[in-house]
Amino acid sequence: MKRTAALGAILFVAVIGVAPAQSPHQQHASQAGNGPYAPRLGDLMILQQIRHAKMWFAVAANNWPLAGHELAGLKDGFEDVDRLYPTIQGISTKPVLAALGAGELTELGRAIEDRDRIKFVTAFDRLTAACNGCHQSTGHGFVVIQQPISPPFNNQSYAPGPVHNLPAGAQHPH
C-alpha cells in the first residue's frame, strides 16, 4: 500500500513537472483560437512516443492487429499536431507530416499488413530517425527517440489476445 502511494506521489510530481517544461515561447493551441482546450504540443508528442513504443512491442509479441491499431493512433496523433500546431518554431508541419505519411508511416503500414518483421524494423527505424530529424530542426534536439528497451506499461500484455471481429464498417476508436 505504501509503495502504491509513493508511486502515485512520484507520478503526480513527474506530471506536474512536465507541464512547465514546455517552451514559454510556444503558443498553446487553445490560445490560437482552436477552442476552449487543446492539448499542448508536448502532450501530443508524449502520446506519440507511447504509441511508437507500443507498436514496437506489439510486433515483438507477434500481435500485428495491435501494431496496426497503434499505427492508426500515430496517424491520428500527427493529424492532431498538424491541425493544432500548423507551425512549430517557424516550420510548417503540413509538408513534414505529409512526407512522413507518404513515406515512413506508409512503409510501416505495409510491413504490418504483410506481417514482415524485417520490413517493420527498417520502417520503424526510419520513422524514429524522422522523428529525431524533426526534433533537431525545431530546436528540440535534446529529445532523442530510439527503439524501446522495455514496455511503457506493465499492465498490458502485448501478446495476441482473443480475436473479436467488429461488424462490417465499424472501426476501433484511436
Protein backbone atom coordinates (compact mmCIF):
# COMPACT_ATOMS: atom_id res chain seq x y z
CA MET A 1 0.00 0.00 0.00
CA LYS A 2 2.80 2.43 0.90
CA ARG A 3 4.58 1.54 -2.33
CA THR A 4 1.44 2.35 -4.36
CA ALA A 5 1.01 5.69 -2.59
CA ALA A 6 4.67 6.54 -3.11
CA LEU A 7 4.46 5.62 -6.78
CA GLY A 8 1.35 7.77 -7.13
CA ALA A 9 3.10 10.72 -5.49
CA ILE A 10 6.12 10.33 -7.78
CA LEU A 11 3.89 10.13 -10.85
CA PHE A 12 1.99 13.25 -9.74
CA VAL A 13 5.22 15.20 -9.26
CA ALA A 14 6.52 13.98 -12.61
CA VAL A 15 3.34 15.02 -14.43
CA ILE A 16 3.30 18.42 -12.76
CA GLY A 17 6.98 18.82 -13.61
CA VAL A 18 6.36 18.12 -17.31
CA ALA A 19 3.88 20.94 -17.84
CA PRO A 20 6.29 23.83 -17.14
CA ALA A 21 8.98 22.16 -19.27
CA GLN A 22 7.25 23.31 -22.45
CA SER A 23 8.96 26.24 -24.08
CA PRO A 24 7.50 29.51 -22.80
CA HIS A 25 7.61 30.94 -26.34
CA GLN A 26 5.49 28.13 -27.73
CA GLN A 27 1.90 29.20 -28.20
CA HIS A 28 -0.69 26.86 -26.74
CA ALA A 29 -3.25 25.73 -29.32
CA SER A 30 -6.21 26.95 -27.25
CA GLN A 31 -4.67 30.43 -27.30
CA ALA A 32 -4.57 30.25 -31.08
CA GLY A 33 -8.37 30.20 -31.31
CA ASN A 34 -8.79 26.42 -31.58
CA GLY A 35 -11.37 26.17 -28.81
CA PRO A 36 -11.54 26.19 -25.04
CA TYR A 37 -8.96 23.44 -24.62
CA ALA A 38 -6.39 21.83 -26.80
CA PRO A 39 -3.51 19.65 -25.67
CA ARG A 40 -0.06 21.18 -25.61
CA LEU A 41 2.32 20.02 -28.30
CA GLY A 42 4.43 18.24 -25.68
CA ASP A 43 1.37 16.30 -24.50
CA LEU A 44 0.60 15.18 -28.05
CA MET A 45 4.22 14.12 -28.54
CA ILE A 46 4.19 12.05 -25.34
CA LEU A 47 1.15 10.18 -26.69
CA GLN A 48 3.02 9.63 -29.96
CA GLN A 49 6.01 8.28 -28.06
CA ILE A 50 3.76 5.84 -26.21
CA ARG A 51 2.18 4.66 -29.47
CA HIS A 52 5.63 4.30 -31.04
CA ALA A 53 6.77 2.05 -28.18
CA LYS A 54 3.55 0.02 -28.01
CA MET A 55 3.72 -0.65 -31.74
CA TRP A 56 7.27 -1.98 -31.30
CA PHE A 57 6.28 -4.35 -28.50
CA ALA A 58 3.16 -5.48 -30.34
CA VAL A 59 5.29 -6.63 -33.27
CA ALA A 60 7.83 -8.21 -30.90
CA ALA A 61 4.94 -10.25 -29.46
CA ASN A 62 3.59 -11.06 -32.95
CA ASN A 63 0.43 -9.05 -32.28
CA TRP A 64 0.01 -7.49 -35.70
CA PRO A 65 -3.55 -6.21 -35.07
CA LEU A 66 -2.30 -4.22 -32.06
CA ALA A 67 0.60 -2.88 -34.15
CA GLY A 68 -1.90 -1.72 -36.77
CA HIS A 69 -4.04 -0.12 -34.07
CA GLU A 70 -1.05 1.81 -32.71
CA LEU A 71 -0.04 2.87 -36.22
CA ALA A 72 -3.55 4.24 -36.76
CA GLY A 73 -3.21 6.11 -33.48
CA LEU A 74 0.12 7.58 -34.64
CA LYS A 75 -1.52 8.79 -37.85
CA ASP A 76 -4.40 10.34 -35.88
CA GLY A 77 -1.94 11.97 -33.49
CA PHE A 78 0.03 13.53 -36.33
CA GLU A 79 -3.22 14.83 -37.83
CA ASP A 80 -3.91 16.49 -34.46
CA VAL A 81 -0.44 18.04 -34.44
CA ASP A 82 -0.94 19.40 -37.94
CA ARG A 83 -4.39 20.78 -37.11
CA LEU A 84 -3.47 22.33 -33.75
CA TYR A 85 0.12 23.37 -34.48
CA PRO A 86 0.43 24.30 -38.16
CA THR A 87 3.86 25.78 -37.46
CA ILE A 88 6.47 24.82 -34.89
CA GLN A 89 9.44 27.13 -34.42
CA GLY A 90 8.61 28.73 -37.78
CA ILE A 91 8.48 25.40 -39.64
CA SER A 92 5.23 24.41 -41.36
CA THR A 93 4.07 20.99 -40.14
CA LYS A 94 1.95 20.18 -43.20
CA PRO A 95 4.76 19.24 -45.64
CA VAL A 96 6.77 17.46 -42.95
CA LEU A 97 3.82 15.36 -41.80
CA ALA A 98 2.64 14.74 -45.39
CA ALA A 99 6.09 13.33 -46.23
CA LEU A 100 6.03 11.23 -43.06
CA GLY A 101 2.59 9.88 -44.01
CA ALA A 102 3.62 9.09 -47.57
CA GLY A 103 6.94 7.58 -46.53
CA GLU A 104 7.62 6.07 -43.13
CA LEU A 105 4.02 5.60 -41.99
CA THR A 106 3.03 4.00 -45.29
CA GLU A 107 6.05 1.67 -45.09
CA LEU A 108 5.07 0.70 -41.56
CA GLY A 109 1.53 0.01 -42.74
CA ARG A 110 2.79 -2.28 -45.48
CA ALA A 111 5.12 -4.12 -43.13
CA ILE A 112 2.32 -4.63 -40.62
CA GLU A 113 -0.10 -5.74 -43.32
CA ASP A 114 2.49 -8.20 -44.66
CA ARG A 115 3.45 -9.24 -41.13
CA ASP A 116 7.07 -8.78 -42.14
CA ARG A 117 9.36 -8.13 -39.15
CA ILE A 118 12.36 -7.22 -41.27
CA LYS A 119 10.44 -4.58 -43.24
CA PHE A 120 8.86 -3.42 -39.98
CA VAL A 121 12.19 -2.85 -38.21
CA THR A 122 13.56 -0.96 -41.23
CA ALA A 123 10.45 1.24 -41.45
CA PHE A 124 10.36 1.70 -37.68
CA ASP A 125 13.97 2.83 -37.62
CA ARG A 126 13.26 5.25 -40.49
CA LEU A 127 10.29 6.66 -38.55
CA THR A 128 12.47 7.03 -35.47
CA ALA A 129 15.14 8.85 -37.49
CA ALA A 130 12.49 11.13 -39.00
CA CYS A 131 11.19 11.97 -35.52
CA ASN A 132 14.70 12.84 -34.38
CA GLY A 133 15.30 14.91 -37.52
CA CYS A 134 12.14 16.89 -36.84
CA HIS A 135 13.17 17.42 -33.23
CA GLN A 136 16.56 18.70 -34.43
CA SER A 137 15.04 21.10 -36.96
CA THR A 138 12.59 22.58 -34.45
CA GLY A 139 15.14 23.20 -31.73
CA HIS A 140 14.18 20.13 -29.69
CA GLY A 141 17.25 18.03 -30.49
CA PHE A 142 17.52 17.18 -26.82
CA VAL A 143 14.50 14.88 -27.35
CA VAL A 144 16.05 11.74 -28.85
CA ILE A 145 13.80 8.80 -29.67
CA GLN A 146 15.13 5.25 -30.00
CA GLN A 147 13.97 1.66 -30.31
CA PRO A 148 12.27 0.95 -26.98
CA ILE A 149 14.00 -1.25 -24.44
CA SER A 150 11.13 -2.05 -22.09
CA PRO A 151 7.35 -1.77 -22.47
CA PRO A 152 5.88 1.56 -21.39
CA PHE A 153 3.12 -0.18 -19.42
CA ASN A 154 3.38 -3.31 -17.34
CA ASN A 155 -0.38 -3.71 -17.10
CA GLN A 156 -0.79 -4.58 -20.78
CA SER A 157 0.03 -7.85 -22.43
CA TYR A 158 1.38 -7.35 -25.91
CA ALA A 159 0.72 -10.97 -26.86
CA PRO A 160 -2.21 -11.52 -29.21
CA GLY A 161 -5.46 -11.96 -27.33
CA PRO A 162 -8.77 -13.38 -28.43
CA VAL A 163 -9.96 -12.03 -31.74
CA HIS A 164 -13.21 -10.12 -31.65
CA ASN A 165 -14.41 -9.20 -35.08
CA LEU A 166 -16.22 -5.91 -35.41
CA PRO A 167 -19.33 -5.60 -37.53
CA ALA A 168 -18.67 -4.63 -41.14
CA GLY A 169 -17.79 -0.94 -41.40
CA ALA A 170 -17.15 -0.50 -37.67
CA GLN A 171 -13.80 0.83 -36.50
CA HIS A 172 -11.97 0.91 -33.22
CA PRO A 173 -11.63 4.44 -31.88
CA HIS A 174 -7.99 5.56 -31.75
